Amino acid sequence: MRELLKRHFGYDSFLPLQEEIVRSVVAGDDTLVLMPTGGGKSLCYQLPAMAMEGVTLVVSPLIALMKDQVDALRANGIEAGYLNSTLSPAEISRVQRQAFQGKLKLLYVAPERLATSAFRRFLNSFALSLIAVDEAHCISEWGHEFRPDYRNLSVLRESFPEVPVIALTATATERVRKDIRDQLELRDPNVFIASFNRPN
């Protein structure tokens, strides 16, 4: 893992909890991560994606950041793509073709896309290695940023019961964490809560 970390991301060592989280994911365990913004959440699914066979599906509500993340991954030599409402039908077809042909390691999608049966059929056309749910607090009606479209994510567990799920958020009370576990049907997840105390 450290070799992949150095080669693709340029880091010599992990931030606190990152290595344990990565090992949990690669072992195929469901994982719940509570980590402050800037604490290195993205690496917790991006690095496993490099080590696992197939495509990692990343669900994110932050359309504006998808392109930035994908551009950064590509700059690091990692094949990634995204599907959201900013793309033309031709661009969507191109990205879907890349996933089908096994040319992507990470595919970022907006949660709204999971509501369509056509997209769910598309997901069954290639091998999924991992499902990463970013901003996972959006799934909870007890959270301050509840997104109804996140409730569609339960279909992922139904459709891909063997694929591990990692849920990540920077903000979640105990009630919200329980709701995340229940809504995503996480199975005995390993829970990691990073310190929010930062040195000035």
N, C-alpha and C. Protein backbone atom coordinates (compact mmCIF):
# COMPACT_ATOMS: atom_id res chain seq x y z
N MET A 1 0.82 -1.21 0.00
CA MET A 1 0.00 0.00 0.00
C MET A 1 0.86 1.27 0.00
N ARG A 2 1.94 1.22 0.76
CA ARG A 2 2.79 2.42 0.82
C ARG A 2 3.43 2.70 -0.54
N GLU A 3 3.70 1.64 -1.28
CA GLU A 3 4.29 1.82 -2.62
C GLU A 3 3.28 2.51 -3.53
N LEU A 4 2.00 2.07 -3.47
CA LEU A 4 0.94 2.72 -4.26
C LEU A 4 0.74 4.16 -3.80
N LEU A 5 0.82 4.37 -2.49
CA LEU A 5 0.66 5.72 -1.92
C LEU A 5 1.73 6.66 -2.46
N LYS A 6 2.96 6.16 -2.52
CA LYS A 6 4.07 6.98 -3.01
C LYS A 6 3.96 7.20 -4.52
N ARG A 7 3.67 6.11 -5.24
CA ARG A 7 3.68 6.20 -6.71
C ARG A 7 2.57 7.09 -7.24
N HIS A 8 1.37 6.95 -6.71
CA HIS A 8 0.22 7.67 -7.28
C HIS A 8 -0.08 8.99 -6.59
N PHE A 9 0.28 9.11 -5.31
CA PHE A 9 -0.11 10.32 -4.58
C PHE A 9 1.09 11.11 -4.06
N GLY A 10 2.27 10.52 -4.13
CA GLY A 10 3.48 11.24 -3.76
C GLY A 10 3.74 11.36 -2.28
N TYR A 11 2.99 10.58 -1.46
CA TYR A 11 3.17 10.66 -0.01
C TYR A 11 4.04 9.50 0.49
N ASP A 12 4.87 9.80 1.47
CA ASP A 12 5.71 8.75 2.07
C ASP A 12 5.01 8.03 3.21
N SER A 13 4.02 8.68 3.81
CA SER A 13 3.35 8.07 4.95
C SER A 13 1.88 8.48 4.98
N PHE A 14 1.10 7.72 5.75
CA PHE A 14 -0.32 7.98 5.88
C PHE A 14 -0.60 9.02 6.96
N LEU A 15 -1.72 9.69 6.84
CA LEU A 15 -2.24 10.52 7.92
C LEU A 15 -2.89 9.61 8.95
N PRO A 16 -3.14 10.10 10.16
CA PRO A 16 -3.76 9.25 11.19
C PRO A 16 -5.04 8.57 10.71
N LEU A 17 -5.13 7.28 10.97
CA LEU A 17 -6.26 6.40 10.66
C LEU A 17 -6.36 5.99 9.18
N GLN A 18 -5.69 6.70 8.27
CA GLN A 18 -5.83 6.35 6.85
C GLN A 18 -5.43 4.91 6.57
N GLU A 19 -4.31 4.47 7.11
CA GLU A 19 -3.84 3.12 6.80
C GLU A 19 -4.81 2.07 7.31
N GLU A 20 -5.33 2.26 8.53
CA GLU A 20 -6.29 1.31 9.10
C GLU A 20 -7.57 1.26 8.26
N ILE A 21 -8.02 2.43 7.80
CA ILE A 21 -9.24 2.49 6.98
C ILE A 21 -9.01 1.78 5.66
N VAL A 22 -7.89 2.05 5.02
CA VAL A 22 -7.57 1.41 3.74
C VAL A 22 -7.52 -0.10 3.90
N ARG A 23 -6.92 -0.58 4.98
CA ARG A 23 -6.84 -2.03 5.20
C ARG A 23 -8.24 -2.63 5.41
N SER A 24 -9.10 -1.92 6.10
CA SER A 24 -10.47 -2.37 6.31
C SER A 24 -11.19 -2.53 4.98
N VAL A 25 -11.03 -1.53 4.11
CA VAL A 25 -11.71 -1.55 2.81
C VAL A 25 -11.18 -2.67 1.93
N VAL A 26 -9.85 -2.79 1.84
CA VAL A 26 -9.24 -3.82 0.99
C VAL A 26 -9.60 -5.23 1.48
N ALA A 27 -9.82 -5.36 2.79
CA ALA A 27 -10.21 -6.65 3.35
C ALA A 27 -11.66 -7.01 3.00
N GLY A 28 -12.39 -6.05 2.41
CA GLY A 28 -13.77 -6.31 2.02
C GLY A 28 -14.79 -6.01 3.08
N ASP A 29 -14.39 -5.27 4.13
CA ASP A 29 -15.30 -4.93 5.21
C ASP A 29 -16.05 -3.63 4.91
N ASP A 30 -17.31 -3.57 5.33
CA ASP A 30 -18.01 -2.29 5.30
C ASP A 30 -17.34 -1.37 6.31
N THR A 31 -17.27 -0.08 5.96
CA THR A 31 -16.47 0.86 6.75
C THR A 31 -17.20 2.19 6.84
N LEU A 32 -17.24 2.77 8.04
CA LEU A 32 -17.83 4.09 8.25
C LEU A 32 -16.74 5.01 8.78
N VAL A 33 -16.53 6.12 8.08
CA VAL A 33 -15.43 7.04 8.41
C VAL A 33 -15.97 8.42 8.74
N LEU A 34 -15.63 8.90 9.91
CA LEU A 34 -15.94 10.28 10.31
C LEU A 34 -14.61 11.00 10.44
N MET A 35 -14.37 11.93 9.52
CA MET A 35 -13.05 12.57 9.44
C MET A 35 -13.24 14.02 9.02
N PRO A 36 -12.53 14.95 9.64
CA PRO A 36 -12.73 16.36 9.29
C PRO A 36 -12.32 16.66 7.86
N THR A 37 -12.94 17.69 7.30
CA THR A 37 -12.56 18.16 5.97
C THR A 37 -11.07 18.48 5.97
N GLY A 38 -10.37 17.99 4.94
CA GLY A 38 -8.93 18.19 4.88
C GLY A 38 -8.15 17.11 5.59
N GLY A 39 -8.86 16.12 6.17
CA GLY A 39 -8.19 15.05 6.90
C GLY A 39 -7.76 13.88 6.04
N GLY A 40 -8.08 13.94 4.75
CA GLY A 40 -7.63 12.88 3.83
C GLY A 40 -8.66 11.79 3.60
N LYS A 41 -9.96 12.15 3.61
CA LYS A 41 -11.01 11.15 3.39
C LYS A 41 -10.92 10.50 2.01
N SER A 42 -10.69 11.31 0.98
CA SER A 42 -10.72 10.79 -0.39
C SER A 42 -9.73 9.65 -0.59
N LEU A 43 -8.56 9.77 0.02
CA LEU A 43 -7.53 8.74 -0.13
C LEU A 43 -8.01 7.40 0.40
N CYS A 44 -8.95 7.44 1.35
CA CYS A 44 -9.43 6.21 2.00
C CYS A 44 -10.19 5.30 1.04
N TYR A 45 -10.69 5.85 -0.07
CA TYR A 45 -11.28 4.98 -1.11
C TYR A 45 -10.49 5.02 -2.42
N GLN A 46 -9.75 6.10 -2.65
CA GLN A 46 -8.98 6.17 -3.90
C GLN A 46 -7.83 5.18 -3.90
N LEU A 47 -7.15 5.02 -2.78
CA LEU A 47 -6.04 4.08 -2.72
C LEU A 47 -6.53 2.63 -2.82
N PRO A 48 -7.57 2.22 -2.08
CA PRO A 48 -8.09 0.87 -2.28
C PRO A 48 -8.52 0.61 -3.72
N ALA A 49 -9.06 1.64 -4.37
CA ALA A 49 -9.48 1.47 -5.77
C ALA A 49 -8.32 1.01 -6.64
N MET A 50 -7.11 1.49 -6.32
CA MET A 50 -5.94 1.11 -7.10
C MET A 50 -5.53 -0.34 -6.83
N ALA A 51 -5.84 -0.83 -5.63
CA ALA A 51 -5.39 -2.16 -5.23
C ALA A 51 -6.40 -3.25 -5.56
N MET A 52 -7.64 -2.87 -5.86
CA MET A 52 -8.71 -3.84 -6.08
C MET A 52 -9.03 -3.99 -7.56
N GLU A 53 -9.48 -5.18 -7.92
CA GLU A 53 -9.90 -5.42 -9.31
C GLU A 53 -11.26 -4.77 -9.53
N GLY A 54 -11.47 -4.20 -10.71
CA GLY A 54 -12.76 -3.62 -11.03
C GLY A 54 -12.80 -2.12 -10.82
N VAL A 55 -14.02 -1.58 -10.82
CA VAL A 55 -14.26 -0.14 -10.75
C VAL A 55 -14.82 0.23 -9.39
N THR A 56 -14.31 1.32 -8.80
CA THR A 56 -14.88 1.87 -7.58
C THR A 56 -15.90 2.93 -7.96
N LEU A 57 -17.14 2.75 -7.48
CA LEU A 57 -18.20 3.72 -7.72
C LEU A 57 -18.21 4.70 -6.56
N VAL A 58 -18.07 5.99 -6.86
CA VAL A 58 -18.07 7.03 -5.84
C VAL A 58 -19.32 7.88 -6.00
N VAL A 59 -20.18 7.86 -4.99
CA VAL A 59 -21.40 8.67 -5.00
C VAL A 59 -21.11 9.97 -4.26
N SER A 60 -21.30 11.08 -4.95
CA SER A 60 -21.00 12.39 -4.35
C SER A 60 -22.04 13.42 -4.78
N PRO A 61 -22.53 14.24 -3.85
CA PRO A 61 -23.49 15.28 -4.22
C PRO A 61 -22.81 16.54 -4.73
N LEU A 62 -21.49 16.59 -4.66
CA LEU A 62 -20.76 17.81 -4.95
C LEU A 62 -20.30 17.83 -6.41
N ILE A 63 -21.25 18.15 -7.29
CA ILE A 63 -20.98 18.13 -8.72
C ILE A 63 -19.79 19.02 -9.08
N ALA A 64 -19.71 20.18 -8.43
CA ALA A 64 -18.63 21.12 -8.74
C ALA A 64 -17.25 20.53 -8.43
N LEU A 65 -17.19 19.59 -7.47
CA LEU A 65 -15.90 19.02 -7.08
C LEU A 65 -15.55 17.75 -7.85
N MET A 66 -16.53 17.15 -8.50
CA MET A 66 -16.25 15.90 -9.22
C MET A 66 -15.15 16.08 -10.25
N LYS A 67 -15.30 17.13 -11.07
CA LYS A 67 -14.31 17.36 -12.13
C LYS A 67 -12.93 17.60 -11.51
N ASP A 68 -12.87 18.37 -10.42
CA ASP A 68 -11.58 18.63 -9.77
C ASP A 68 -10.94 17.34 -9.29
N GLN A 69 -11.74 16.47 -8.67
CA GLN A 69 -11.19 15.20 -8.17
C GLN A 69 -10.72 14.32 -9.32
N VAL A 70 -11.53 14.24 -10.37
CA VAL A 70 -11.16 13.40 -11.51
C VAL A 70 -9.92 13.95 -12.21
N ASP A 71 -9.85 15.26 -12.38
CA ASP A 71 -8.66 15.86 -13.00
C ASP A 71 -7.41 15.58 -12.17
N ALA A 72 -7.54 15.67 -10.83
CA ALA A 72 -6.39 15.41 -9.95
C ALA A 72 -5.96 13.94 -10.05
N LEU A 73 -6.93 13.02 -10.10
CA LEU A 73 -6.60 11.60 -10.22
C LEU A 73 -5.89 11.33 -11.54
N ARG A 74 -6.40 11.88 -12.61
CA ARG A 74 -5.77 11.68 -13.93
C ARG A 74 -4.36 12.24 -13.95
N ALA A 75 -4.16 13.37 -13.28
CA ALA A 75 -2.82 13.96 -13.21
C ALA A 75 -1.86 13.04 -12.47
N ASN A 76 -2.41 12.19 -11.58
CA ASN A 76 -1.59 11.22 -10.84
C ASN A 76 -1.51 9.87 -11.53
N GLY A 77 -1.97 9.82 -12.78
CA GLY A 77 -1.88 8.57 -13.54
C GLY A 77 -2.95 7.56 -13.21
N ILE A 78 -4.08 8.02 -12.66
CA ILE A 78 -5.18 7.12 -12.29
C ILE A 78 -6.36 7.40 -13.21
N GLU A 79 -6.86 6.35 -13.86
CA GLU A 79 -7.98 6.52 -14.79
C GLU A 79 -9.28 6.70 -14.02
N ALA A 80 -9.92 7.84 -14.22
CA ALA A 80 -11.16 8.14 -13.51
C ALA A 80 -12.09 8.91 -14.43
N GLY A 81 -13.38 8.86 -14.12
CA GLY A 81 -14.37 9.60 -14.89
C GLY A 81 -15.53 9.98 -13.99
N TYR A 82 -16.43 10.81 -14.52
CA TYR A 82 -17.61 11.18 -13.74
C TYR A 82 -18.83 11.28 -14.64
N LEU A 83 -19.99 11.08 -14.03
CA LEU A 83 -21.26 11.21 -14.73
C LEU A 83 -22.16 12.14 -13.91
N ASN A 84 -22.52 13.26 -14.50
CA ASN A 84 -23.47 14.16 -13.85
C ASN A 84 -24.16 15.01 -14.91
N SER A 85 -25.00 15.92 -14.47
CA SER A 85 -25.85 16.68 -15.39
C SER A 85 -25.10 17.70 -16.22
N THR A 86 -23.80 17.90 -15.96
CA THR A 86 -23.04 18.86 -16.76
C THR A 86 -22.57 18.27 -18.09
N LEU A 87 -22.69 16.94 -18.24
CA LEU A 87 -22.17 16.27 -19.43
C LEU A 87 -23.23 16.14 -20.51
N SER A 88 -22.79 16.17 -21.76
CA SER A 88 -23.69 15.93 -22.89
C SER A 88 -23.95 14.43 -23.02
N PRO A 89 -25.00 14.02 -23.73
CA PRO A 89 -25.25 12.59 -23.94
C PRO A 89 -24.05 11.86 -24.55
N ALA A 90 -23.34 12.53 -25.47
CA ALA A 90 -22.17 11.90 -26.09
C ALA A 90 -21.07 11.68 -25.06
N GLU A 91 -20.87 12.67 -24.18
CA GLU A 91 -19.84 12.53 -23.13
C GLU A 91 -20.21 11.43 -22.14
N ILE A 92 -21.50 11.34 -21.80
CA ILE A 92 -21.96 10.28 -20.90
C ILE A 92 -21.71 8.91 -21.51
N SER A 93 -22.02 8.77 -22.80
CA SER A 93 -21.79 7.49 -23.49
C SER A 93 -20.31 7.13 -23.49
N ARG A 94 -19.45 8.12 -23.68
CA ARG A 94 -18.02 7.85 -23.70
C ARG A 94 -17.53 7.34 -22.35
N VAL A 95 -17.96 7.99 -21.27
CA VAL A 95 -17.53 7.57 -19.93
C VAL A 95 -18.08 6.19 -19.61
N GLN A 96 -19.34 5.93 -19.96
CA GLN A 96 -19.92 4.62 -19.70
C GLN A 96 -19.18 3.53 -20.48
N ARG A 97 -18.78 3.85 -21.69
CA ARG A 97 -18.03 2.89 -22.50
C ARG A 97 -16.68 2.59 -21.86
N GLN A 98 -16.02 3.61 -21.33
CA GLN A 98 -14.73 3.40 -20.65
C GLN A 98 -14.90 2.47 -19.44
N ALA A 99 -15.97 2.68 -18.67
CA ALA A 99 -16.22 1.81 -17.51
C ALA A 99 -16.48 0.38 -17.96
N PHE A 100 -17.31 0.23 -18.97
CA PHE A 100 -17.65 -1.10 -19.49
C PHE A 100 -16.41 -1.83 -19.99
N GLN A 101 -15.50 -1.08 -20.60
CA GLN A 101 -14.29 -1.69 -21.17
C GLN A 101 -13.18 -1.89 -20.12
N GLY A 102 -13.46 -1.54 -18.88
CA GLY A 102 -12.47 -1.73 -17.82
C GLY A 102 -11.35 -0.72 -17.84
N LYS A 103 -11.61 0.44 -18.43
CA LYS A 103 -10.56 1.45 -18.55
C LYS A 103 -10.57 2.47 -17.40
N LEU A 104 -11.55 2.36 -16.49
CA LEU A 104 -11.62 3.28 -15.36
C LEU A 104 -11.36 2.52 -14.05
N LYS A 105 -10.72 3.18 -13.10
CA LYS A 105 -10.59 2.65 -11.75
C LYS A 105 -11.61 3.29 -10.81
N LEU A 106 -11.97 4.55 -11.08
CA LEU A 106 -12.97 5.24 -10.25
C LEU A 106 -13.99 5.93 -11.16
N LEU A 107 -15.26 5.78 -10.78
CA LEU A 107 -16.34 6.44 -11.50
C LEU A 107 -17.18 7.22 -10.50
N TYR A 108 -17.18 8.54 -10.63
CA TYR A 108 -17.94 9.43 -9.75
C TYR A 108 -19.32 9.68 -10.34
N VAL A 109 -20.35 9.57 -9.50
CA VAL A 109 -21.71 9.82 -9.98
C VAL A 109 -22.47 10.64 -8.94
N ALA A 110 -23.44 11.42 -9.43
CA ALA A 110 -24.35 12.13 -8.53
C ALA A 110 -25.43 11.15 -8.08
N PRO A 111 -25.95 11.31 -6.86
CA PRO A 111 -26.93 10.35 -6.34
C PRO A 111 -28.21 10.27 -7.17
N GLU A 112 -28.58 11.37 -7.83
CA GLU A 112 -29.80 11.38 -8.64
C GLU A 112 -29.78 10.31 -9.73
N ARG A 113 -28.59 9.99 -10.22
CA ARG A 113 -28.47 9.04 -11.32
C ARG A 113 -28.92 7.64 -10.93
N LEU A 114 -28.82 7.33 -9.63
CA LEU A 114 -29.17 5.98 -9.17
C LEU A 114 -30.66 5.72 -9.20
N ALA A 115 -31.46 6.77 -9.43
CA ALA A 115 -32.91 6.60 -9.46
C ALA A 115 -33.39 5.97 -10.76
N THR A 116 -32.55 5.96 -11.78
CA THR A 116 -32.98 5.46 -13.08
C THR A 116 -32.62 3.99 -13.25
N SER A 117 -33.57 3.22 -13.76
CA SER A 117 -33.34 1.78 -13.97
C SER A 117 -32.28 1.56 -15.03
N ALA A 118 -32.20 2.48 -16.02
CA ALA A 118 -31.19 2.32 -17.08
C ALA A 118 -29.78 2.40 -16.49
N PHE A 119 -29.59 3.32 -15.53
CA PHE A 119 -28.26 3.44 -14.94
C PHE A 119 -27.94 2.22 -14.08
N ARG A 120 -28.93 1.70 -13.37
CA ARG A 120 -28.69 0.51 -12.55
C ARG A 120 -28.34 -0.68 -13.44
N ARG A 121 -28.96 -0.77 -14.59
CA ARG A 121 -28.59 -1.84 -15.54
C ARG A 121 -27.15 -1.65 -16.02
N PHE A 122 -26.78 -0.41 -16.28
CA PHE A 122 -25.41 -0.12 -16.69
C PHE A 122 -24.41 -0.59 -15.64
N LEU A 123 -24.72 -0.37 -14.36
CA LEU A 123 -23.80 -0.78 -13.30
C LEU A 123 -23.58 -2.29 -13.29
N ASN A 124 -24.55 -3.03 -13.79
CA ASN A 124 -24.42 -4.49 -13.83
C ASN A 124 -23.61 -4.97 -15.03
N SER A 125 -23.14 -4.03 -15.86
CA SER A 125 -22.43 -4.43 -17.08
C SER A 125 -20.92 -4.52 -16.88
N PHE A 126 -20.43 -4.20 -15.68
CA PHE A 126 -18.99 -4.29 -15.42
C PHE A 126 -18.79 -4.67 -13.95
N ALA A 127 -17.54 -4.97 -13.60
CA ALA A 127 -17.24 -5.43 -12.25
C ALA A 127 -17.05 -4.25 -11.30
N LEU A 128 -17.87 -4.20 -10.26
CA LEU A 128 -17.71 -3.19 -9.21
C LEU A 128 -16.86 -3.77 -8.09
N SER A 129 -15.84 -3.04 -7.67
CA SER A 129 -14.98 -3.52 -6.59
C SER A 129 -15.35 -2.90 -5.25
N LEU A 130 -15.88 -1.66 -5.28
CA LEU A 130 -16.14 -0.92 -4.05
C LEU A 130 -17.17 0.16 -4.33
N ILE A 131 -18.03 0.41 -3.33
CA ILE A 131 -18.97 1.52 -3.40
C ILE A 131 -18.59 2.51 -2.30
N ALA A 132 -18.24 3.72 -2.70
CA ALA A 132 -17.86 4.77 -1.75
C ALA A 132 -18.96 5.83 -1.74
N VAL A 133 -19.49 6.11 -0.56
CA VAL A 133 -20.54 7.12 -0.42
C VAL A 133 -19.94 8.31 0.32
N ASP A 134 -19.65 9.37 -0.44
CA ASP A 134 -19.06 10.56 0.15
C ASP A 134 -20.18 11.47 0.68
N GLU A 135 -19.86 12.31 1.64
CA GLU A 135 -20.87 13.18 2.27
C GLU A 135 -22.06 12.33 2.73
N ALA A 136 -21.76 11.22 3.40
CA ALA A 136 -22.79 10.23 3.73
C ALA A 136 -23.87 10.77 4.66
N HIS A 137 -23.59 11.86 5.37
CA HIS A 137 -24.62 12.43 6.24
C HIS A 137 -25.85 12.88 5.46
N CYS A 138 -25.69 13.07 4.14
CA CYS A 138 -26.82 13.51 3.31
C CYS A 138 -27.93 12.45 3.23
N ILE A 139 -27.62 11.21 3.64
CA ILE A 139 -28.62 10.15 3.58
C ILE A 139 -29.57 10.22 4.77
N SER A 140 -29.20 10.96 5.81
CA SER A 140 -29.96 10.95 7.05
C SER A 140 -30.92 12.13 7.16
N GLU A 141 -32.16 11.83 7.40
CA GLU A 141 -33.13 12.90 7.60
C GLU A 141 -32.87 13.65 8.90
N TRP A 142 -32.00 13.08 9.76
CA TRP A 142 -31.62 13.76 10.99
C TRP A 142 -30.44 14.70 10.76
N GLY A 143 -29.85 14.65 9.56
CA GLY A 143 -28.72 15.51 9.26
C GLY A 143 -29.17 16.86 8.74
N HIS A 144 -28.26 17.82 8.77
CA HIS A 144 -28.64 19.18 8.37
C HIS A 144 -28.60 19.38 6.86
N GLU A 145 -28.10 18.38 6.12
CA GLU A 145 -28.04 18.51 4.66
C GLU A 145 -28.72 17.32 3.99
N PHE A 146 -29.87 16.90 4.52
CA PHE A 146 -30.58 15.74 3.99
C PHE A 146 -30.88 15.92 2.51
N ARG A 147 -30.52 14.91 1.72
CA ARG A 147 -30.79 14.89 0.28
C ARG A 147 -31.67 13.68 -0.02
N PRO A 148 -32.93 13.88 -0.37
CA PRO A 148 -33.81 12.73 -0.62
C PRO A 148 -33.24 11.73 -1.63
N ASP A 149 -32.49 12.22 -2.62
CA ASP A 149 -31.93 11.29 -3.62
C ASP A 149 -30.98 10.28 -3.01
N TYR A 150 -30.40 10.62 -1.84
CA TYR A 150 -29.50 9.68 -1.19
C TYR A 150 -30.23 8.43 -0.70
N ARG A 151 -31.55 8.53 -0.53
CA ARG A 151 -32.32 7.36 -0.10
C ARG A 151 -32.31 6.27 -1.18
N ASN A 152 -32.00 6.64 -2.42
CA ASN A 152 -31.91 5.64 -3.49
C ASN A 152 -30.72 4.71 -3.32
N LEU A 153 -29.78 5.09 -2.45
CA LEU A 153 -28.55 4.32 -2.35
C LEU A 153 -28.77 2.92 -1.80
N SER A 154 -29.90 2.71 -1.15
CA SER A 154 -30.17 1.36 -0.63
C SER A 154 -30.24 0.34 -1.76
N VAL A 155 -30.57 0.79 -2.98
CA VAL A 155 -30.64 -0.16 -4.10
C VAL A 155 -29.26 -0.72 -4.44
N LEU A 156 -28.20 0.03 -4.09
CA LEU A 156 -26.85 -0.47 -4.37
C LEU A 156 -26.56 -1.72 -3.55
N ARG A 157 -26.96 -1.71 -2.28
CA ARG A 157 -26.73 -2.89 -1.44
C ARG A 157 -27.57 -4.07 -1.92
N GLU A 158 -28.79 -3.76 -2.37
CA GLU A 158 -29.66 -4.82 -2.88
C GLU A 158 -29.09 -5.42 -4.16
N SER A 159 -28.58 -4.56 -5.03
CA SER A 159 -28.08 -5.03 -6.33
C SER A 159 -26.69 -5.64 -6.24
N PHE A 160 -25.88 -5.18 -5.28
CA PHE A 160 -24.49 -5.63 -5.16
C PHE A 160 -24.19 -6.04 -3.72
N PRO A 161 -24.84 -7.10 -3.24
CA PRO A 161 -24.69 -7.46 -1.82
C PRO A 161 -23.28 -7.86 -1.42
N GLU A 162 -22.46 -8.28 -2.40
CA GLU A 162 -21.10 -8.73 -2.08
C GLU A 162 -20.06 -7.63 -2.15
N VAL A 163 -20.45 -6.47 -2.66
CA VAL A 163 -19.49 -5.37 -2.84
C VAL A 163 -19.39 -4.57 -1.55
N PRO A 164 -18.18 -4.38 -1.01
CA PRO A 164 -18.04 -3.60 0.23
C PRO A 164 -18.42 -2.14 0.02
N VAL A 165 -18.89 -1.52 1.11
CA VAL A 165 -19.31 -0.12 1.08
C VAL A 165 -18.49 0.66 2.10
N ILE A 166 -17.98 1.82 1.68
CA ILE A 166 -17.35 2.75 2.62
C ILE A 166 -18.17 4.04 2.59
N ALA A 167 -18.62 4.48 3.76
CA ALA A 167 -19.38 5.72 3.90
C ALA A 167 -18.51 6.72 4.63
N LEU A 168 -18.41 7.94 4.09
CA LEU A 168 -17.52 8.95 4.65
C LEU A 168 -18.26 10.25 4.87
N THR A 169 -17.96 10.90 5.99
CA THR A 169 -18.55 12.19 6.27
C THR A 169 -17.66 12.97 7.24
N ALA A 170 -17.81 14.28 7.19
CA ALA A 170 -17.05 15.12 8.13
C ALA A 170 -17.93 15.55 9.29
N THR A 171 -19.23 15.23 9.19
CA THR A 171 -20.14 15.73 10.22
C THR A 171 -21.26 14.74 10.45
N ALA A 172 -21.33 14.16 11.65
CA ALA A 172 -22.39 13.22 11.95
C ALA A 172 -22.50 12.99 13.46
N THR A 173 -23.68 13.27 14.00
CA THR A 173 -23.96 12.93 15.39
C THR A 173 -24.12 11.41 15.48
N GLU A 174 -24.21 10.88 16.70
CA GLU A 174 -24.42 9.44 16.85
C GLU A 174 -25.72 9.00 16.18
N ARG A 175 -26.74 9.83 16.28
CA ARG A 175 -28.02 9.50 15.63
C ARG A 175 -27.86 9.42 14.11
N VAL A 176 -27.13 10.38 13.54
CA VAL A 176 -26.89 10.39 12.09
C VAL A 176 -26.04 9.19 11.69
N ARG A 177 -25.01 8.86 12.50
CA ARG A 177 -24.17 7.70 12.17
C ARG A 177 -25.01 6.42 12.14
N LYS A 178 -25.94 6.28 13.09
CA LYS A 178 -26.81 5.10 13.11
C LYS A 178 -27.69 5.08 11.86
N ASP A 179 -28.19 6.24 11.48
CA ASP A 179 -29.04 6.32 10.29
C ASP A 179 -28.26 5.96 9.03
N ILE A 180 -27.02 6.41 8.95
CA ILE A 180 -26.16 6.05 7.81
C ILE A 180 -26.01 4.53 7.75
N ARG A 181 -25.69 3.91 8.89
CA ARG A 181 -25.53 2.45 8.93
C ARG A 181 -26.80 1.74 8.48
N ASP A 182 -27.95 2.23 8.98
CA ASP A 182 -29.22 1.57 8.67
C ASP A 182 -29.61 1.77 7.21
N GLN A 183 -29.51 3.00 6.72
CA GLN A 183 -29.96 3.30 5.36
C GLN A 183 -29.09 2.62 4.30
N LEU A 184 -27.80 2.53 4.57
CA LEU A 184 -26.89 1.89 3.61
C LEU A 184 -26.77 0.38 3.86
N GLU A 185 -27.46 -0.09 4.91
CA GLU A 185 -27.43 -1.51 5.27
C GLU A 185 -25.99 -1.99 5.44
N LEU A 186 -25.19 -1.17 6.14
CA LEU A 186 -23.80 -1.56 6.40
C LEU A 186 -23.79 -2.76 7.34
N ARG A 187 -22.95 -3.75 7.01
CA ARG A 187 -22.91 -4.99 7.77
C ARG A 187 -21.74 -4.97 8.74
N ASP A 188 -22.06 -4.85 10.03
CA ASP A 188 -21.04 -4.86 11.08
C ASP A 188 -19.84 -4.00 10.66
N PRO A 189 -20.08 -2.73 10.34
CA PRO A 189 -18.99 -1.92 9.77
C PRO A 189 -17.89 -1.61 10.78
N ASN A 190 -16.69 -1.51 10.27
CA ASN A 190 -15.60 -0.95 11.07
C ASN A 190 -15.80 0.57 11.09
N VAL A 191 -15.83 1.16 12.27
CA VAL A 191 -16.10 2.59 12.41
C VAL A 191 -14.83 3.30 12.85
N PHE A 192 -14.47 4.34 12.10
CA PHE A 192 -13.27 5.11 12.40
C PHE A 192 -13.66 6.56 12.62
N ILE A 193 -13.33 7.10 13.76
CA ILE A 193 -13.62 8.49 14.08
C ILE A 193 -12.31 9.22 14.33
N ALA A 194 -11.94 10.07 13.40
CA ALA A 194 -10.67 10.80 13.52
C ALA A 194 -10.84 11.97 14.48
N SER A 195 -9.74 12.40 15.04
CA SER A 195 -9.76 13.54 15.94
C SER A 195 -10.05 14.82 15.16
N PHE A 196 -10.90 15.66 15.74
CA PHE A 196 -11.18 16.95 15.11
C PHE A 196 -10.35 18.06 15.74
N ASN A 197 -9.47 17.69 16.64
CA ASN A 197 -8.56 18.68 17.24
C ASN A 197 -7.36 18.88 16.31
N ARG A 198 -7.17 20.09 15.89
CA ARG A 198 -6.06 20.35 14.98
C ARG A 198 -5.10 21.35 15.62
N PRO A 199 -3.82 21.10 15.49
CA PRO A 199 -2.86 22.09 16.01
C PRO A 199 -2.90 23.35 15.16
N ASN A 200 -2.85 24.51 15.81
CA ASN A 200 -2.86 25.78 15.05
C ASN A 200 -1.49 25.99 14.42
